[in-house]
Amino acid sequence: MTDNVDYDLLIIGSGPAAMSRRSGRAQLGLKTALHRSSETLGGTCLNVGCYPVKAMLHASELLS
């Protein structure tokens, strides 16, 4: 962890929207920081929400 660093923007979250915001703002020359509360990048939808649920539903349809 880095101490005493100045940032222009703090983005809270690590999902796809946060990552694209960070990249876009960095391309504009802003010094950005990303804060996440989970241990993995990707946010809820990628790790435990939409995509895993859709995969389980698809697999259960194939099995039935």
N, C-alpha and C. Protein backbone atom coordinates (compact mmCIF):
# COMPACT_ATOMS: atom_id res chain seq x y z
N MET A 1 0.84 -1.18 0.00
CA MET A 1 0.00 0.00 0.00
C MET A 1 0.88 1.24 0.00
N THR A 2 0.48 2.23 -0.76
CA THR A 2 1.25 3.46 -0.88
C THR A 2 0.65 4.53 0.02
N ASP A 3 1.50 5.20 0.77
CA ASP A 3 1.05 6.28 1.64
C ASP A 3 1.42 7.63 1.05
N ASN A 4 0.69 8.66 1.44
CA ASN A 4 0.98 10.04 1.06
C ASN A 4 1.08 10.25 -0.45
N VAL A 5 0.10 9.71 -1.17
CA VAL A 5 0.05 9.89 -2.62
C VAL A 5 -1.22 10.67 -2.93
N ASP A 6 -1.10 11.68 -3.77
CA ASP A 6 -2.26 12.47 -4.17
C ASP A 6 -2.87 11.90 -5.43
N TYR A 7 -4.19 11.78 -5.44
CA TYR A 7 -4.92 11.29 -6.60
C TYR A 7 -5.94 12.34 -7.02
N ASP A 8 -6.28 12.34 -8.29
CA ASP A 8 -7.31 13.22 -8.80
C ASP A 8 -8.70 12.61 -8.64
N LEU A 9 -8.74 11.27 -8.60
CA LEU A 9 -10.03 10.58 -8.59
C LEU A 9 -9.93 9.27 -7.84
N LEU A 10 -10.90 8.98 -6.99
CA LEU A 10 -11.00 7.69 -6.32
C LEU A 10 -12.25 7.00 -6.83
N ILE A 11 -12.08 5.79 -7.36
CA ILE A 11 -13.21 5.01 -7.86
C ILE A 11 -13.47 3.89 -6.86
N ILE A 12 -14.72 3.79 -6.42
CA ILE A 12 -15.10 2.76 -5.45
C ILE A 12 -15.75 1.62 -6.20
N GLY A 13 -15.21 0.42 -6.05
CA GLY A 13 -15.72 -0.76 -6.73
C GLY A 13 -14.69 -1.29 -7.71
N SER A 14 -14.90 -2.52 -8.13
CA SER A 14 -13.93 -3.13 -9.06
C SER A 14 -14.61 -3.90 -10.18
N GLY A 15 -15.86 -3.57 -10.43
CA GLY A 15 -16.58 -4.23 -11.51
C GLY A 15 -16.21 -3.66 -12.87
N PRO A 16 -16.83 -4.16 -13.92
CA PRO A 16 -16.52 -3.70 -15.27
C PRO A 16 -16.69 -2.18 -15.45
N ALA A 17 -17.73 -1.61 -14.87
CA ALA A 17 -17.95 -0.17 -15.02
C ALA A 17 -16.84 0.62 -14.34
N ALA A 18 -16.45 0.19 -13.16
CA ALA A 18 -15.38 0.89 -12.44
C ALA A 18 -14.06 0.79 -13.19
N MET A 19 -13.78 -0.37 -13.74
CA MET A 19 -12.52 -0.55 -14.47
C MET A 19 -12.49 0.30 -15.74
N SER A 20 -13.61 0.40 -16.44
CA SER A 20 -13.63 1.23 -17.64
C SER A 20 -13.54 2.70 -17.29
N ARG A 21 -14.16 3.10 -16.17
CA ARG A 21 -14.04 4.49 -15.71
C ARG A 21 -12.59 4.83 -15.38
N ARG A 22 -11.94 3.91 -14.70
CA ARG A 22 -10.55 4.14 -14.31
C ARG A 22 -9.67 4.29 -15.55
N SER A 23 -9.84 3.40 -16.50
CA SER A 23 -9.03 3.45 -17.73
C SER A 23 -9.29 4.74 -18.50
N GLY A 24 -10.56 5.10 -18.62
CA GLY A 24 -10.91 6.31 -19.36
C GLY A 24 -10.35 7.56 -18.72
N ARG A 25 -10.43 7.64 -17.39
CA ARG A 25 -9.92 8.82 -16.69
C ARG A 25 -8.39 8.86 -16.73
N ALA A 26 -7.76 7.70 -16.67
CA ALA A 26 -6.30 7.66 -16.75
C ALA A 26 -5.84 8.12 -18.14
N GLN A 27 -6.60 7.78 -19.17
CA GLN A 27 -6.25 8.23 -20.52
C GLN A 27 -6.36 9.75 -20.65
N LEU A 28 -7.21 10.36 -19.82
CA LEU A 28 -7.34 11.81 -19.82
C LEU A 28 -6.24 12.48 -18.99
N GLY A 29 -5.40 11.66 -18.38
CA GLY A 29 -4.28 12.21 -17.61
C GLY A 29 -4.54 12.34 -16.13
N LEU A 30 -5.69 11.87 -15.66
CA LEU A 30 -6.00 11.94 -14.24
C LEU A 30 -5.31 10.79 -13.50
N LYS A 31 -4.78 11.09 -12.35
CA LYS A 31 -4.18 10.06 -11.51
C LYS A 31 -5.31 9.42 -10.71
N THR A 32 -5.61 8.16 -11.00
CA THR A 32 -6.78 7.50 -10.41
C THR A 32 -6.36 6.39 -9.45
N ALA A 33 -7.21 6.19 -8.45
CA ALA A 33 -7.05 5.09 -7.51
C ALA A 33 -8.33 4.28 -7.52
N LEU A 34 -8.20 2.98 -7.30
CA LEU A 34 -9.34 2.08 -7.29
C LEU A 34 -9.44 1.44 -5.92
N HIS A 35 -10.62 1.54 -5.29
CA HIS A 35 -10.83 0.93 -3.97
C HIS A 35 -11.83 -0.19 -4.13
N ARG A 36 -11.50 -1.36 -3.61
CA ARG A 36 -12.43 -2.49 -3.66
C ARG A 36 -12.49 -3.14 -2.29
N SER A 37 -13.64 -3.69 -1.96
CA SER A 37 -13.79 -4.33 -0.66
C SER A 37 -13.61 -5.84 -0.73
N SER A 38 -13.70 -6.41 -1.93
CA SER A 38 -13.52 -7.85 -2.06
C SER A 38 -12.08 -8.18 -2.41
N GLU A 39 -11.72 -9.44 -2.30
CA GLU A 39 -10.36 -9.86 -2.61
C GLU A 39 -10.13 -10.05 -4.10
N THR A 40 -11.20 -10.14 -4.88
CA THR A 40 -11.06 -10.38 -6.32
C THR A 40 -11.57 -9.19 -7.12
N LEU A 41 -11.00 -8.98 -8.27
CA LEU A 41 -11.48 -7.96 -9.18
C LEU A 41 -12.67 -8.50 -9.95
N GLY A 42 -13.52 -7.64 -10.41
CA GLY A 42 -14.61 -8.07 -11.27
C GLY A 42 -15.98 -7.71 -10.75
N GLY A 43 -16.12 -7.45 -9.48
CA GLY A 43 -17.42 -7.07 -8.95
C GLY A 43 -18.37 -8.23 -8.76
N THR A 44 -19.55 -7.90 -8.27
CA THR A 44 -20.56 -8.91 -7.93
C THR A 44 -21.05 -9.67 -9.14
N CYS A 45 -21.34 -8.97 -10.21
CA CYS A 45 -21.92 -9.63 -11.38
C CYS A 45 -20.99 -10.70 -11.95
N LEU A 46 -19.72 -10.40 -12.02
CA LEU A 46 -18.77 -11.34 -12.60
C LEU A 46 -18.49 -12.51 -11.67
N ASN A 47 -18.39 -12.28 -10.37
CA ASN A 47 -17.95 -13.31 -9.44
C ASN A 47 -19.06 -14.12 -8.79
N VAL A 48 -20.17 -13.50 -8.43
CA VAL A 48 -21.22 -14.25 -7.74
C VAL A 48 -22.62 -13.96 -8.25
N GLY A 49 -22.75 -13.03 -9.16
CA GLY A 49 -24.07 -12.62 -9.61
C GLY A 49 -24.46 -13.19 -10.94
N CYS A 50 -24.64 -12.31 -11.89
CA CYS A 50 -25.23 -12.63 -13.20
C CYS A 50 -24.58 -13.81 -13.92
N TYR A 51 -23.28 -13.72 -14.16
CA TYR A 51 -22.62 -14.74 -14.98
C TYR A 51 -22.63 -16.13 -14.34
N PRO A 52 -22.26 -16.28 -13.06
CA PRO A 52 -22.32 -17.62 -12.46
C PRO A 52 -23.74 -18.18 -12.43
N VAL A 53 -24.73 -17.34 -12.16
CA VAL A 53 -26.12 -17.81 -12.13
C VAL A 53 -26.55 -18.27 -13.51
N LYS A 54 -26.21 -17.50 -14.54
CA LYS A 54 -26.56 -17.89 -15.90
C LYS A 54 -25.89 -19.21 -16.29
N ALA A 55 -24.65 -19.39 -15.88
CA ALA A 55 -23.94 -20.63 -16.19
C ALA A 55 -24.60 -21.82 -15.48
N MET A 56 -25.00 -21.64 -14.22
CA MET A 56 -25.67 -22.73 -13.50
C MET A 56 -27.02 -23.06 -14.13
N LEU A 57 -27.77 -22.04 -14.53
CA LEU A 57 -29.06 -22.28 -15.18
C LEU A 57 -28.88 -23.02 -16.50
N HIS A 58 -27.89 -22.63 -17.26
CA HIS A 58 -27.62 -23.29 -18.53
C HIS A 58 -27.22 -24.74 -18.32
N ALA A 59 -26.34 -24.99 -17.35
CA ALA A 59 -25.90 -26.36 -17.05
C ALA A 59 -27.05 -27.22 -16.56
N SER A 60 -27.94 -26.64 -15.74
CA SER A 60 -29.07 -27.44 -15.24
C SER A 60 -30.05 -27.75 -16.37
N GLU A 61 -30.21 -26.84 -17.32
CA GLU A 61 -31.07 -27.14 -18.48
C GLU A 61 -30.49 -28.26 -19.32
N LEU A 62 -29.16 -28.25 -19.47
CA LEU A 62 -28.52 -29.32 -20.25
C LEU A 62 -28.67 -30.67 -19.57
N LEU A 63 -28.62 -30.69 -18.24
CA LEU A 63 -28.71 -31.95 -17.50
C LEU A 63 -30.14 -32.49 -17.45
N SER A 64 -31.12 -31.60 -17.52
CA SER A 64 -32.52 -32.07 -17.39
C SER A 64 -33.13 -32.55 -18.66
